[in-house]
Amino acid sequence: MRTTVLFLAMLLASVIAWAQTNPAPAQTQQNPGSASTPGAQSPGTPPSQAQPSAPSQTAPATGTHRMLQAKSQDELKAYQEAITKTDPAQAEAAANDFATKFPDSELRAALYMRAMNMYAQANNSDKVIDMGRKAIAADPINPVPLMEVGSTLAETTRDSDLDREQRLAEAAKDANAAIDNIDTGLLVPANADPERVAGAKRTILTNSYATLAMVDMDRSDYSAAVGNLQKAINDTKDNPEAVLYLRLSVAQDKLKEYQQALDSANKAVQYAKPGTPAENLSKQQQERLQKLINAESSGATGAQSGPPTPGQPTPLSGSQAGPPSLPGQSTPPH
């Protein structure tokens, strides 16, 4: 799932901007239950150019007031040095070095998230998981690394993995934690556009529910997968994602709910970008289900083979083939 990289960069920019300009705990005023975190720079803005935002009277989200701050000038200086690294391996080394020198620093999570983001951009799944786990250890309620680690684990776990069940269990645990902490754990800029904050939360929820659905399907719990996919789809009504509908179609297909599966496949075709793998796979599933339904309605169903486990390539042969194998991402690549 690499579509969250830009979103992660946005949130990391907020953390970096605040940490650079607030070396010691500040005296703040807040209303009970409000969330207020300093302003975010636009994605792509160098951290050195970030400026703190003016205090906001109205917080854009509910939850606990959370701010990441350096406790001393030495800690701030070390942090500022660490965030100058632009190579993933160097960023990882800098984060590890910082965590050794300042084992209680709140900023450890920010540095590990930054390294996680760099590895995500480089499509290095193992390092995304490694850095994300360290970010979670430093900040257990932040839904961003929880979402990313859970999603990456679900995407990359294979039937042949000796630790398959442990990886799936961790993916589900992280996804559920991301959902549970969506209001209390997210670092939200105080002056952020409420619609943008809501969109960020929908992104986390969508990917977390999609992760749970992938785990459900790996465990052959297709009824649970349908429920979680419907929740994921509900959070993307303004920006429908074809692969979510395709996964829903496959899960419904496994349950022999062929008409519902065809309806979902039709929507997958409708929302898929032309020429993408998502469109091709959706059309294959649409054609297969239509032939299957037509055969059943004419009383010529015969013996049909069951649909295969998603992720395992399956040749299509008219209505007798199972649904197409699905890409590992919970959302289609852009």
C-alpha atoms as a PDB file:
ATOM      1  CA  MET A   1       0.000   0.000   0.000  1.00  0.00           C
ATOM      2  CA  ARG A   2       2.043   2.901  -1.221  1.00  0.00           C
ATOM      3  CA  THR A   3      -0.816   5.388  -1.669  1.00  0.00           C
ATOM      4  CA  THR A   4      -0.388   6.525   1.933  1.00  0.00           C
ATOM      5  CA  VAL A   5       3.151   7.841   1.418  1.00  0.00           C
ATOM      6  CA  LEU A   6       2.072  11.414   0.635  1.00  0.00           C
ATOM      7  CA  PHE A   7      -0.305  11.381   3.578  1.00  0.00           C
ATOM      8  CA  LEU A   8       2.462  10.179   5.879  1.00  0.00           C
ATOM      9  CA  ALA A   9       4.742  12.922   4.620  1.00  0.00           C
ATOM     10  CA  MET A  10       2.112  15.515   5.510  1.00  0.00           C
ATOM     11  CA  LEU A  11       1.803  14.305   9.082  1.00  0.00           C
ATOM     12  CA  LEU A  12       5.550  13.945   9.522  1.00  0.00           C
ATOM     13  CA  ALA A  13       6.014  17.517   8.334  1.00  0.00           C
ATOM     14  CA  SER A  14       3.782  18.670  11.192  1.00  0.00           C
ATOM     15  CA  VAL A  15       5.839  16.779  13.746  1.00  0.00           C
ATOM     16  CA  ILE A  16       9.116  18.087  12.353  1.00  0.00           C
ATOM     17  CA  ALA A  17       7.885  21.686  12.215  1.00  0.00           C
ATOM     18  CA  TRP A  18       6.803  21.640  15.842  1.00  0.00           C
ATOM     19  CA  ALA A  19       9.835  19.817  17.220  1.00  0.00           C
ATOM     20  CA  GLN A  20      12.233  22.221  15.505  1.00  0.00           C
ATOM     21  CA  THR A  21      10.684  25.310  17.012  1.00  0.00           C
ATOM     22  CA  ASN A  22       9.747  24.033  20.495  1.00  0.00           C
ATOM     23  CA  PRO A  23      12.787  22.727  22.375  1.00  0.00           C
ATOM     24  CA  ALA A  24      11.082  22.742  25.774  1.00  0.00           C
ATOM     25  CA  PRO A  25       7.560  22.085  27.046  1.00  0.00           C
ATOM     26  CA  ALA A  26       5.355  25.101  26.398  1.00  0.00           C
ATOM     27  CA  GLN A  27       2.563  26.533  28.502  1.00  0.00           C
ATOM     28  CA  THR A  28      -0.640  26.114  26.547  1.00  0.00           C
ATOM     29  CA  GLN A  29      -4.308  26.704  27.078  1.00  0.00           C
ATOM     30  CA  GLN A  30      -6.801  24.147  25.921  1.00  0.00           C
ATOM     31  CA  ASN A  31     -10.409  23.276  26.311  1.00  0.00           C
ATOM     32  CA  PRO A  32     -11.172  19.883  27.839  1.00  0.00           C
ATOM     33  CA  GLY A  33     -11.326  17.237  25.154  1.00  0.00           C
ATOM     34  CA  SER A  34      -9.765  19.395  22.421  1.00  0.00           C
ATOM     35  CA  ALA A  35      -6.930  18.353  20.173  1.00  0.00           C
ATOM     36  CA  SER A  36      -4.316  20.936  19.264  1.00  0.00           C
ATOM     37  CA  THR A  37      -0.995  20.316  17.600  1.00  0.00           C
ATOM     38  CA  PRO A  38       1.130  22.906  15.755  1.00  0.00           C
ATOM     39  CA  GLY A  39       0.647  23.668  12.093  1.00  0.00           C
ATOM     40  CA  ALA A  40       1.745  21.530   9.218  1.00  0.00           C
ATOM     41  CA  GLN A  41       3.810  22.542   6.264  1.00  0.00           C
ATOM     42  CA  SER A  42       2.770  21.487   2.803  1.00  0.00           C
ATOM     43  CA  PRO A  43       4.134  18.135   1.584  1.00  0.00           C
ATOM     44  CA  GLY A  44       7.552  18.645   0.031  1.00  0.00           C
ATOM     45  CA  THR A  45       8.423  21.755   2.054  1.00  0.00           C
ATOM     46  CA  PRO A  46      11.915  21.397   3.571  1.00  0.00           C
ATOM     47  CA  PRO A  47      11.703  21.024   7.357  1.00  0.00           C
ATOM     48  CA  SER A  48      14.108  23.916   7.851  1.00  0.00           C
ATOM     49  CA  GLN A  49      11.520  26.258   6.317  1.00  0.00           C
ATOM     50  CA  ALA A  50       8.664  25.187   8.574  1.00  0.00           C
ATOM     51  CA  GLN A  51       7.204  27.802  10.892  1.00  0.00           C
ATOM     52  CA  PRO A  52       5.015  27.318  13.975  1.00  0.00           C
ATOM     53  CA  SER A  53       1.393  28.202  13.560  1.00  0.00           C
ATOM     54  CA  ALA A  54      -0.575  30.728  15.556  1.00  0.00           C
ATOM     55  CA  PRO A  55      -2.721  29.342  18.387  1.00  0.00           C
ATOM     56  CA  SER A  56      -6.112  28.136  17.250  1.00  0.00           C
ATOM     57  CA  GLN A  57      -9.274  28.863  19.206  1.00  0.00           C
ATOM     58  CA  THR A  58     -11.168  25.991  17.620  1.00  0.00           C
ATOM     59  CA  ALA A  59      -9.576  22.587  17.354  1.00  0.00           C
ATOM     60  CA  PRO A  60     -10.375  20.584  14.202  1.00  0.00           C
ATOM     61  CA  ALA A  61     -10.697  17.259  15.944  1.00  0.00           C
ATOM     62  CA  THR A  62     -11.603  15.754  19.275  1.00  0.00           C
ATOM     63  CA  GLY A  63      -9.250  13.760  21.421  1.00  0.00           C
ATOM     64  CA  THR A  64      -6.266  14.172  23.687  1.00  0.00           C
ATOM     65  CA  HIS A  65      -4.026  17.220  23.363  1.00  0.00           C
ATOM     66  CA  ARG A  66      -0.719  15.825  22.096  1.00  0.00           C
ATOM     67  CA  MET A  67       2.526  17.599  21.234  1.00  0.00           C
ATOM     68  CA  LEU A  68       5.941  16.109  20.571  1.00  0.00           C
ATOM     69  CA  GLN A  69       8.686  18.256  22.070  1.00  0.00           C
ATOM     70  CA  ALA A  70      12.392  18.194  22.786  1.00  0.00           C
ATOM     71  CA  LYS A  71      13.209  18.455  26.482  1.00  0.00           C
ATOM     72  CA  SER A  72      16.585  20.148  26.046  1.00  0.00           C
ATOM     73  CA  GLN A  73      18.673  22.031  23.545  1.00  0.00           C
ATOM     74  CA  ASP A  74      20.981  19.022  23.174  1.00  0.00           C
ATOM     75  CA  GLU A  75      18.029  16.807  22.293  1.00  0.00           C
ATOM     76  CA  LEU A  76      16.700  19.367  19.830  1.00  0.00           C
ATOM     77  CA  LYS A  77      20.116  19.761  18.185  1.00  0.00           C
ATOM     78  CA  ALA A  78      20.493  15.991  17.819  1.00  0.00           C
ATOM     79  CA  TYR A  79      17.010  15.756  16.358  1.00  0.00           C
ATOM     80  CA  GLN A  80      17.663  18.539  13.861  1.00  0.00           C
ATOM     81  CA  GLU A  81      20.832  16.785  12.772  1.00  0.00           C
ATOM     82  CA  ALA A  82      18.997  13.474  12.376  1.00  0.00           C
ATOM     83  CA  ILE A  83      16.329  14.901  10.083  1.00  0.00           C
ATOM     84  CA  THR A  84      18.898  16.183   7.609  1.00  0.00           C
ATOM     85  CA  LYS A  85      19.466  12.632   6.377  1.00  0.00           C
ATOM     86  CA  THR A  86      17.883  12.021   2.993  1.00  0.00           C
ATOM     87  CA  ASP A  87      18.947   8.409   2.454  1.00  0.00           C
ATOM     88  CA  PRO A  88      16.743   5.731   4.097  1.00  0.00           C
ATOM     89  CA  ALA A  89      19.674   3.806   5.583  1.00  0.00           C
ATOM     90  CA  GLN A  90      21.229   6.999   6.933  1.00  0.00           C
ATOM     91  CA  ALA A  91      17.880   8.101   8.355  1.00  0.00           C
ATOM     92  CA  GLU A  92      17.535   4.715  10.081  1.00  0.00           C
ATOM     93  CA  ALA A  93      21.042   4.942  11.524  1.00  0.00           C
ATOM     94  CA  ALA A  94      20.384   8.477  12.725  1.00  0.00           C
ATOM     95  CA  ALA A  95      17.118   7.421  14.370  1.00  0.00           C
ATOM     96  CA  ASN A  96      18.839   4.511  16.137  1.00  0.00           C
ATOM     97  CA  ASP A  97      21.659   6.762  17.309  1.00  0.00           C
ATOM     98  CA  PHE A  98      19.189   9.369  18.578  1.00  0.00           C
ATOM     99  CA  ALA A  99      17.171   6.710  20.421  1.00  0.00           C
ATOM    100  CA  THR A 100      20.350   5.459  22.112  1.00  0.00           C
ATOM    101  CA  LYS A 101      21.332   8.933  23.288  1.00  0.00           C
ATOM    102  CA  PHE A 102      17.791   9.991  24.250  1.00  0.00           C
ATOM    103  CA  PRO A 103      15.916   6.787  25.160  1.00  0.00           C
ATOM    104  CA  ASP A 104      13.014   8.676  26.721  1.00  0.00           C
ATOM    105  CA  SER A 105      12.596  11.298  24.005  1.00  0.00           C
ATOM    106  CA  GLU A 106       9.154  11.796  22.496  1.00  0.00           C
ATOM    107  CA  LEU A 107      10.843  12.522  19.178  1.00  0.00           C
ATOM    108  CA  ARG A 108      12.097   8.967  18.664  1.00  0.00           C
ATOM    109  CA  ALA A 109       8.767   8.047  17.066  1.00  0.00           C
ATOM    110  CA  ALA A 110       8.997  10.947  14.617  1.00  0.00           C
ATOM    111  CA  LEU A 111      12.440   9.864  13.437  1.00  0.00           C
ATOM    112  CA  TYR A 112      11.415   6.238  13.034  1.00  0.00           C
ATOM    113  CA  MET A 113       8.273   7.294  11.164  1.00  0.00           C
ATOM    114  CA  ARG A 114      10.428   9.410   8.879  1.00  0.00           C
ATOM    115  CA  ALA A 115      12.671   6.431   8.122  1.00  0.00           C
ATOM    116  CA  MET A 116       9.583   4.251   7.670  1.00  0.00           C
ATOM    117  CA  ASN A 117       8.225   6.720   5.134  1.00  0.00           C
ATOM    118  CA  MET A 118      11.490   6.744   3.194  1.00  0.00           C
ATOM    119  CA  TYR A 119      11.560   2.952   3.055  1.00  0.00           C
ATOM    120  CA  ALA A 120       7.919   2.950   1.938  1.00  0.00           C
ATOM    121  CA  GLN A 121       8.843   5.202  -0.967  1.00  0.00           C
ATOM    122  CA  ALA A 122      11.643   2.759  -1.802  1.00  0.00           C
ATOM    123  CA  ASN A 123       9.203  -0.203  -1.605  1.00  0.00           C
ATOM    124  CA  ASN A 124      11.319  -1.898   1.058  1.00  0.00           C
ATOM    125  CA  SER A 125       8.587  -3.713   2.980  1.00  0.00           C
ATOM    126  CA  ASP A 126      10.862  -5.393   5.517  1.00  0.00           C
ATOM    127  CA  LYS A 127      12.333  -2.072   6.582  1.00  0.00           C
ATOM    128  CA  VAL A 128       8.896  -0.415   6.650  1.00  0.00           C
ATOM    129  CA  ILE A 129       7.835  -3.036   9.175  1.00  0.00           C
ATOM    130  CA  ASP A 130      11.070  -2.715  11.169  1.00  0.00           C
ATOM    131  CA  MET A 131      10.961   1.075  11.401  1.00  0.00           C
ATOM    132  CA  GLY A 132       7.223   1.089  11.988  1.00  0.00           C
ATOM    133  CA  ARG A 133       7.524  -1.326  14.890  1.00  0.00           C
ATOM    134  CA  LYS A 134      10.100   0.950  16.494  1.00  0.00           C
ATOM    135  CA  ALA A 135       7.831   3.963  15.976  1.00  0.00           C
ATOM    136  CA  ILE A 136       4.964   2.068  17.617  1.00  0.00           C
ATOM    137  CA  ALA A 137       7.184   1.125  20.556  1.00  0.00           C
ATOM    138  CA  ALA A 138       8.007   4.808  21.044  1.00  0.00           C
ATOM    139  CA  ASP A 139       4.420   6.051  20.483  1.00  0.00           C
ATOM    140  CA  PRO A 140       1.951   3.148  20.873  1.00  0.00           C
ATOM    141  CA  ILE A 141      -1.209   5.157  20.144  1.00  0.00           C
ATOM    142  CA  ASN A 142      -0.189   6.922  16.928  1.00  0.00           C
ATOM    143  CA  PRO A 143      -2.457   5.397  14.248  1.00  0.00           C
ATOM    144  CA  VAL A 144      -0.118   6.192  11.347  1.00  0.00           C
ATOM    145  CA  PRO A 145       2.637   3.611  12.013  1.00  0.00           C
ATOM    146  CA  LEU A 146      -0.014   1.209  13.318  1.00  0.00           C
ATOM    147  CA  MET A 147      -1.841   1.465  10.009  1.00  0.00           C
ATOM    148  CA  GLU A 148       1.324   1.193   7.915  1.00  0.00           C
ATOM    149  CA  VAL A 149       2.815  -1.786   9.729  1.00  0.00           C
ATOM    150  CA  GLY A 150      -0.498  -3.636   9.800  1.00  0.00           C
ATOM    151  CA  SER A 151      -1.111  -3.045   6.117  1.00  0.00           C
ATOM    152  CA  THR A 152       2.406  -4.000   5.072  1.00  0.00           C
ATOM    153  CA  LEU A 153       2.312  -7.198   7.116  1.00  0.00           C
ATOM    154  CA  ALA A 154      -1.012  -8.193   5.565  1.00  0.00           C
ATOM    155  CA  GLU A 155       0.217  -7.428   2.052  1.00  0.00           C
ATOM    156  CA  THR A 156       3.483  -9.343   2.318  1.00  0.00           C
ATOM    157  CA  THR A 157       2.516 -12.427   4.342  1.00  0.00           C
ATOM    158  CA  ARG A 158       2.502 -15.638   2.315  1.00  0.00           C
ATOM    159  CA  ASP A 159       1.093 -19.095   3.000  1.00  0.00           C
ATOM    160  CA  SER A 160       4.615 -20.511   3.060  1.00  0.00           C
ATOM    161  CA  ASP A 161       5.810 -18.182   5.838  1.00  0.00           C
ATOM    162  CA  LEU A 162       6.653 -20.144   8.979  1.00  0.00           C
ATOM    163  CA  ASP A 163       5.484 -17.210  11.100  1.00  0.00           C
ATOM    164  CA  ARG A 164       2.357 -16.669   9.007  1.00  0.00           C
ATOM    165  CA  GLU A 165      -0.113 -16.729  11.906  1.00  0.00           C
ATOM    166  CA  GLN A 166       2.022 -14.428  14.040  1.00  0.00           C
ATOM    167  CA  ARG A 167       2.276 -11.908  11.196  1.00  0.00           C
ATOM    168  CA  LEU A 168      -1.469 -12.004  10.536  1.00  0.00           C
ATOM    169  CA  ALA A 169      -2.209 -11.625  14.238  1.00  0.00           C
ATOM    170  CA  GLU A 170       0.107  -8.613  14.450  1.00  0.00           C
ATOM    171  CA  ALA A 171      -1.452  -7.064  11.349  1.00  0.00           C
ATOM    172  CA  ALA A 172      -4.946  -7.400  12.803  1.00  0.00           C
ATOM    173  CA  LYS A 173      -3.830  -6.080  16.195  1.00  0.00           C
ATOM    174  CA  ASP A 174      -2.187  -3.014  14.644  1.00  0.00           C
ATOM    175  CA  ALA A 175      -5.143  -2.291  12.354  1.00  0.00           C
ATOM    176  CA  ASN A 176      -7.587  -2.487  15.255  1.00  0.00           C
ATOM    177  CA  ALA A 177      -5.345  -0.234  17.355  1.00  0.00           C
ATOM    178  CA  ALA A 178      -5.206   2.327  14.536  1.00  0.00           C
ATOM    179  CA  ILE A 179      -9.000   2.356  14.416  1.00  0.00           C
ATOM    180  CA  ASP A 180      -9.345   2.576  18.196  1.00  0.00           C
ATOM    181  CA  ASN A 181      -6.871   5.484  18.477  1.00  0.00           C
ATOM    182  CA  ILE A 182      -8.028   7.487  15.469  1.00  0.00           C
ATOM    183  CA  ASP A 183      -9.240  10.409  17.625  1.00  0.00           C
ATOM    184  CA  THR A 184      -6.828  10.239  20.556  1.00  0.00           C
ATOM    185  CA  GLY A 185      -3.556   9.254  18.910  1.00  0.00           C
ATOM    186  CA  LEU A 186      -3.366  11.278  15.712  1.00  0.00           C
ATOM    187  CA  LEU A 187      -1.172  14.377  15.789  1.00  0.00           C
ATOM    188  CA  VAL A 188      -3.430  17.016  14.239  1.00  0.00           C
ATOM    189  CA  PRO A 189      -2.235  20.554  13.413  1.00  0.00           C
ATOM    190  CA  ALA A 190      -4.261  23.087  15.402  1.00  0.00           C
ATOM    191  CA  ASN A 191      -4.932  25.267  12.376  1.00  0.00           C
ATOM    192  CA  ALA A 192      -5.611  22.400   9.973  1.00  0.00           C
ATOM    193  CA  ASP A 193      -8.581  22.453   7.639  1.00  0.00           C
ATOM    194  CA  PRO A 194     -11.247  20.277   9.319  1.00  0.00           C
ATOM    195  CA  GLU A 195     -12.053  18.662   5.975  1.00  0.00           C
ATOM    196  CA  ARG A 196      -8.427  17.709   5.489  1.00  0.00           C
ATOM    197  CA  VAL A 197      -8.281  16.244   8.983  1.00  0.00           C
ATOM    198  CA  ALA A 198     -11.441  14.265   8.285  1.00  0.00           C
ATOM    199  CA  GLY A 199      -9.923  13.054   5.024  1.00  0.00           C
ATOM    200  CA  ALA A 200      -6.747  11.959   6.810  1.00  0.00           C
ATOM    201  CA  LYS A 201      -8.804   9.983   9.302  1.00  0.00           C
ATOM    202  CA  ARG A 202     -10.776   8.355   6.506  1.00  0.00           C
ATOM    203  CA  THR A 203      -7.499   7.330   4.878  1.00  0.00           C
ATOM    204  CA  ILE A 204      -6.363   5.623   8.074  1.00  0.00           C
ATOM    205  CA  LEU A 205      -9.724   3.962   8.644  1.00  0.00           C
ATOM    206  CA  THR A 206     -10.040   2.785   5.050  1.00  0.00           C
ATOM    207  CA  ASN A 207      -6.615   1.163   5.012  1.00  0.00           C
ATOM    208  CA  SER A 208      -7.061  -0.318   8.485  1.00  0.00           C
ATOM    209  CA  TYR A 209     -10.387  -1.954   7.615  1.00  0.00           C
ATOM    210  CA  ALA A 210      -8.896  -3.139   4.318  1.00  0.00           C
ATOM    211  CA  THR A 211      -6.029  -4.683   6.293  1.00  0.00           C
ATOM    212  CA  LEU A 212      -8.488  -6.522   8.537  1.00  0.00           C
ATOM    213  CA  ALA A 213     -10.259  -7.785   5.419  1.00  0.00           C
ATOM    214  CA  MET A 214      -6.995  -9.098   3.956  1.00  0.00           C
ATOM    215  CA  VAL A 215      -6.315 -10.959   7.198  1.00  0.00           C
ATOM    216  CA  ASP A 216      -9.875 -12.342   7.154  1.00  0.00           C
ATOM    217  CA  MET A 217      -9.437 -13.607   3.598  1.00  0.00           C
ATOM    218  CA  ASP A 218      -6.080 -15.178   4.409  1.00  0.00           C
ATOM    219  CA  ARG A 219      -7.901 -17.030   7.183  1.00  0.00           C
ATOM    220  CA  SER A 220     -10.787 -17.957   4.858  1.00  0.00           C
ATOM    221  CA  ASP A 221     -13.241 -15.948   6.987  1.00  0.00           C
ATOM    222  CA  TYR A 222     -15.027 -14.428   4.007  1.00  0.00           C
ATOM    223  CA  SER A 223     -18.065 -13.251   5.935  1.00  0.00           C
ATOM    224  CA  ALA A 224     -15.862 -11.117   8.203  1.00  0.00           C
ATOM    225  CA  ALA A 225     -13.946  -9.907   5.133  1.00  0.00           C
ATOM    226  CA  VAL A 226     -17.182  -8.694   3.538  1.00  0.00           C
ATOM    227  CA  GLY A 227     -18.037  -6.729   6.681  1.00  0.00           C
ATOM    228  CA  ASN A 228     -14.641  -5.059   6.920  1.00  0.00           C
ATOM    229  CA  LEU A 229     -14.532  -4.275   3.202  1.00  0.00           C
ATOM    230  CA  GLN A 230     -17.932  -2.635   3.418  1.00  0.00           C
ATOM    231  CA  LYS A 231     -16.610  -0.461   6.255  1.00  0.00           C
ATOM    232  CA  ALA A 232     -13.568   0.434   4.165  1.00  0.00           C
ATOM    233  CA  ILE A 233     -15.771   1.297   1.201  1.00  0.00           C
ATOM    234  CA  ASN A 234     -18.029   3.404   3.409  1.00  0.00           C
ATOM    235  CA  ASP A 235     -15.018   5.608   4.242  1.00  0.00           C
ATOM    236  CA  THR A 236     -14.228   6.136   0.540  1.00  0.00           C
ATOM    237  CA  LYS A 237     -17.656   7.135  -0.767  1.00  0.00           C
ATOM    238  CA  ASP A 238     -16.306  10.462  -2.019  1.00  0.00           C
ATOM    239  CA  ASN A 239     -13.375   8.766  -3.762  1.00  0.00           C
ATOM    240  CA  PRO A 240     -14.338   5.157  -4.579  1.00  0.00           C
ATOM    241  CA  GLU A 241     -11.482   2.688  -4.958  1.00  0.00           C
ATOM    242  CA  ALA A 242     -11.803  -0.093  -7.483  1.00  0.00           C
ATOM    243  CA  VAL A 243      -9.652  -2.649  -5.672  1.00  0.00           C
ATOM    244  CA  LEU A 244     -11.838  -2.464  -2.558  1.00  0.00           C
ATOM    245  CA  TYR A 245     -14.871  -3.386  -4.669  1.00  0.00           C
ATOM    246  CA  LEU A 246     -12.861  -6.103  -6.426  1.00  0.00           C
ATOM    247  CA  ARG A 247     -11.850  -7.623  -3.094  1.00  0.00           C
ATOM    248  CA  LEU A 248     -15.458  -7.420  -1.942  1.00  0.00           C
ATOM    249  CA  SER A 249     -16.525  -9.221  -5.106  1.00  0.00           C
ATOM    250  CA  VAL A 250     -14.023 -12.021  -4.477  1.00  0.00           C
ATOM    251  CA  ALA A 251     -15.150 -12.430  -0.855  1.00  0.00           C
ATOM    252  CA  GLN A 252     -18.812 -12.553  -1.923  1.00  0.00           C
ATOM    253  CA  ASP A 253     -17.861 -14.999  -4.679  1.00  0.00           C
ATOM    254  CA  LYS A 254     -16.287 -17.273  -2.056  1.00  0.00           C
ATOM    255  CA  LEU A 255     -19.586 -17.165  -0.148  1.00  0.00           C
ATOM    256  CA  LYS A 256     -21.425 -18.097  -3.377  1.00  0.00           C
ATOM    257  CA  GLU A 257     -23.269 -14.780  -3.316  1.00  0.00           C
ATOM    258  CA  TYR A 258     -22.858 -14.469  -7.045  1.00  0.00           C
ATOM    259  CA  GLN A 259     -25.274 -11.638  -7.798  1.00  0.00           C
ATOM    260  CA  GLN A 260     -23.834  -9.486  -5.017  1.00  0.00           C
ATOM    261  CA  ALA A 261     -20.358 -10.381  -6.260  1.00  0.00           C
ATOM    262  CA  LEU A 262     -21.310  -9.282  -9.781  1.00  0.00           C
ATOM    263  CA  ASP A 263     -22.694  -5.994  -8.475  1.00  0.00           C
ATOM    264  CA  SER A 264     -19.391  -5.358  -6.697  1.00  0.00           C
ATOM    265  CA  ALA A 265     -17.398  -6.342  -9.792  1.00  0.00           C
ATOM    266  CA  ASN A 266     -19.473  -3.913 -11.875  1.00  0.00           C
ATOM    267  CA  LYS A 267     -18.567  -1.107  -9.474  1.00  0.00           C
ATOM    268  CA  ALA A 268     -14.922  -2.146  -9.570  1.00  0.00           C
ATOM    269  CA  VAL A 269     -14.966  -1.803 -13.358  1.00  0.00           C
ATOM    270  CA  GLN A 270     -16.797   1.525 -13.077  1.00  0.00           C
ATOM    271  CA  TYR A 271     -14.247   3.049 -10.702  1.00  0.00           C
ATOM    272  CA  ALA A 272     -11.045   1.519 -12.075  1.00  0.00           C
ATOM    273  CA  LYS A 273      -8.689   3.767 -13.998  1.00  0.00           C
ATOM    274  CA  PRO A 274      -8.490   2.771 -17.676  1.00  0.00           C
ATOM    275  CA  GLY A 275      -5.613   0.490 -18.555  1.00  0.00           C
ATOM    276  CA  THR A 276      -4.683  -0.350 -14.965  1.00  0.00           C
ATOM    277  CA  PRO A 277      -4.298  -3.865 -13.519  1.00  0.00           C
ATOM    278  CA  ALA A 278      -7.327  -3.105 -11.352  1.00  0.00           C
ATOM    279  CA  GLU A 279      -9.463  -2.563 -14.438  1.00  0.00           C
ATOM    280  CA  ASN A 280      -8.226  -5.742 -16.136  1.00  0.00           C
ATOM    281  CA  LEU A 281      -8.787  -7.905 -13.068  1.00  0.00           C
ATOM    282  CA  SER A 282     -12.201  -6.355 -12.446  1.00  0.00           C
ATOM    283  CA  LYS A 283     -13.293  -7.077 -16.012  1.00  0.00           C
ATOM    284  CA  GLN A 284     -12.122 -10.678 -15.683  1.00  0.00           C
ATOM    285  CA  GLN A 285     -14.143 -11.090 -12.501  1.00  0.00           C
ATOM    286  CA  GLN A 286     -17.152  -9.358 -14.060  1.00  0.00           C
ATOM    287  CA  GLU A 287     -17.068 -11.645 -17.106  1.00  0.00           C
ATOM    288  CA  ARG A 288     -16.624 -14.784 -15.018  1.00  0.00           C
ATOM    289  CA  LEU A 289     -19.546 -13.988 -12.720  1.00  0.00           C
ATOM    290  CA  GLN A 290     -21.839 -13.001 -15.570  1.00  0.00           C
ATOM    291  CA  LYS A 291     -21.176 -16.316 -17.335  1.00  0.00           C
ATOM    292  CA  LEU A 292     -21.689 -18.208 -14.086  1.00  0.00           C
ATOM    293  CA  ILE A 293     -25.008 -16.489 -13.364  1.00  0.00           C
ATOM    294  CA  ASN A 294     -26.190 -17.003 -16.946  1.00  0.00           C
ATOM    295  CA  ALA A 295     -25.283 -20.686 -16.738  1.00  0.00           C
ATOM    296  CA  GLU A 296     -27.137 -21.108 -13.453  1.00  0.00           C
ATOM    297  CA  SER A 297     -30.226 -19.345 -14.770  1.00  0.00           C
ATOM    298  CA  SER A 298     -30.288 -21.685 -17.762  1.00  0.00           C
ATOM    299  CA  GLY A 299     -29.913 -24.750 -15.517  1.00  0.00           C
ATOM    300  CA  ALA A 300     -26.509 -25.649 -16.946  1.00  0.00           C
ATOM    301  CA  THR A 301     -24.350 -24.961 -13.935  1.00  0.00           C
ATOM    302  CA  GLY A 302     -22.573 -28.304 -13.898  1.00  0.00           C
ATOM    303  CA  ALA A 303     -19.735 -28.815 -11.461  1.00  0.00           C
ATOM    304  CA  GLN A 304     -18.015 -25.533 -10.791  1.00  0.00           C
ATOM    305  CA  SER A 305     -14.660 -25.287  -9.162  1.00  0.00           C
ATOM    306  CA  GLY A 306     -14.495 -22.971  -6.154  1.00  0.00           C
ATOM    307  CA  PRO A 307     -12.679 -19.655  -6.329  1.00  0.00           C
ATOM    308  CA  PRO A 308      -9.023 -19.756  -5.341  1.00  0.00           C
ATOM    309  CA  THR A 309      -7.379 -17.987  -2.446  1.00  0.00           C
ATOM    310  CA  PRO A 310      -6.642 -14.341  -3.381  1.00  0.00           C
ATOM    311  CA  GLY A 311      -2.985 -13.849  -4.176  1.00  0.00           C
ATOM    312  CA  GLN A 312      -2.560 -17.187  -5.957  1.00  0.00           C
ATOM    313  CA  PRO A 313      -2.474 -16.837  -9.770  1.00  0.00           C
ATOM    314  CA  THR A 314      -5.336 -18.674 -11.469  1.00  0.00           C
ATOM    315  CA  PRO A 315      -5.881 -18.996 -15.235  1.00  0.00           C
ATOM    316  CA  LEU A 316      -9.347 -17.949 -16.290  1.00  0.00           C
ATOM    317  CA  SER A 317     -11.405 -20.260 -18.462  1.00  0.00           C
ATOM    318  CA  GLY A 318     -14.898 -18.883 -18.874  1.00  0.00           C
ATOM    319  CA  SER A 319     -17.260 -19.412 -15.977  1.00  0.00           C
ATOM    320  CA  GLN A 320     -15.339 -22.394 -14.587  1.00  0.00           C
ATOM    321  CA  ALA A 321     -12.369 -20.385 -13.391  1.00  0.00           C
ATOM    322  CA  GLY A 322     -12.208 -18.805  -9.953  1.00  0.00           C
ATOM    323  CA  PRO A 323     -11.964 -15.049  -9.409  1.00  0.00           C
ATOM    324  CA  PRO A 324      -8.724 -13.379 -10.474  1.00  0.00           C
ATOM    325  CA  SER A 325      -5.767 -13.164  -8.146  1.00  0.00           C
ATOM    326  CA  LEU A 326      -5.602  -9.786  -6.455  1.00  0.00           C
ATOM    327  CA  PRO A 327      -2.728  -7.340  -6.086  1.00  0.00           C
ATOM    328  CA  GLY A 328      -1.238  -7.032  -2.616  1.00  0.00           C
ATOM    329  CA  GLN A 329      -2.243  -3.414  -2.190  1.00  0.00           C
ATOM    330  CA  SER A 330      -5.452  -2.521  -0.436  1.00  0.00           C
ATOM    331  CA  THR A 331      -5.768   0.399  -2.811  1.00  0.00           C
ATOM    332  CA  PRO A 332      -4.834   0.582  -6.499  1.00  0.00           C
ATOM    333  CA  PRO A 333      -1.447   2.082  -7.345  1.00  0.00           C
ATOM    334  CA  HIS A 334      -1.416   5.582  -8.772  1.00  0.00           C
END
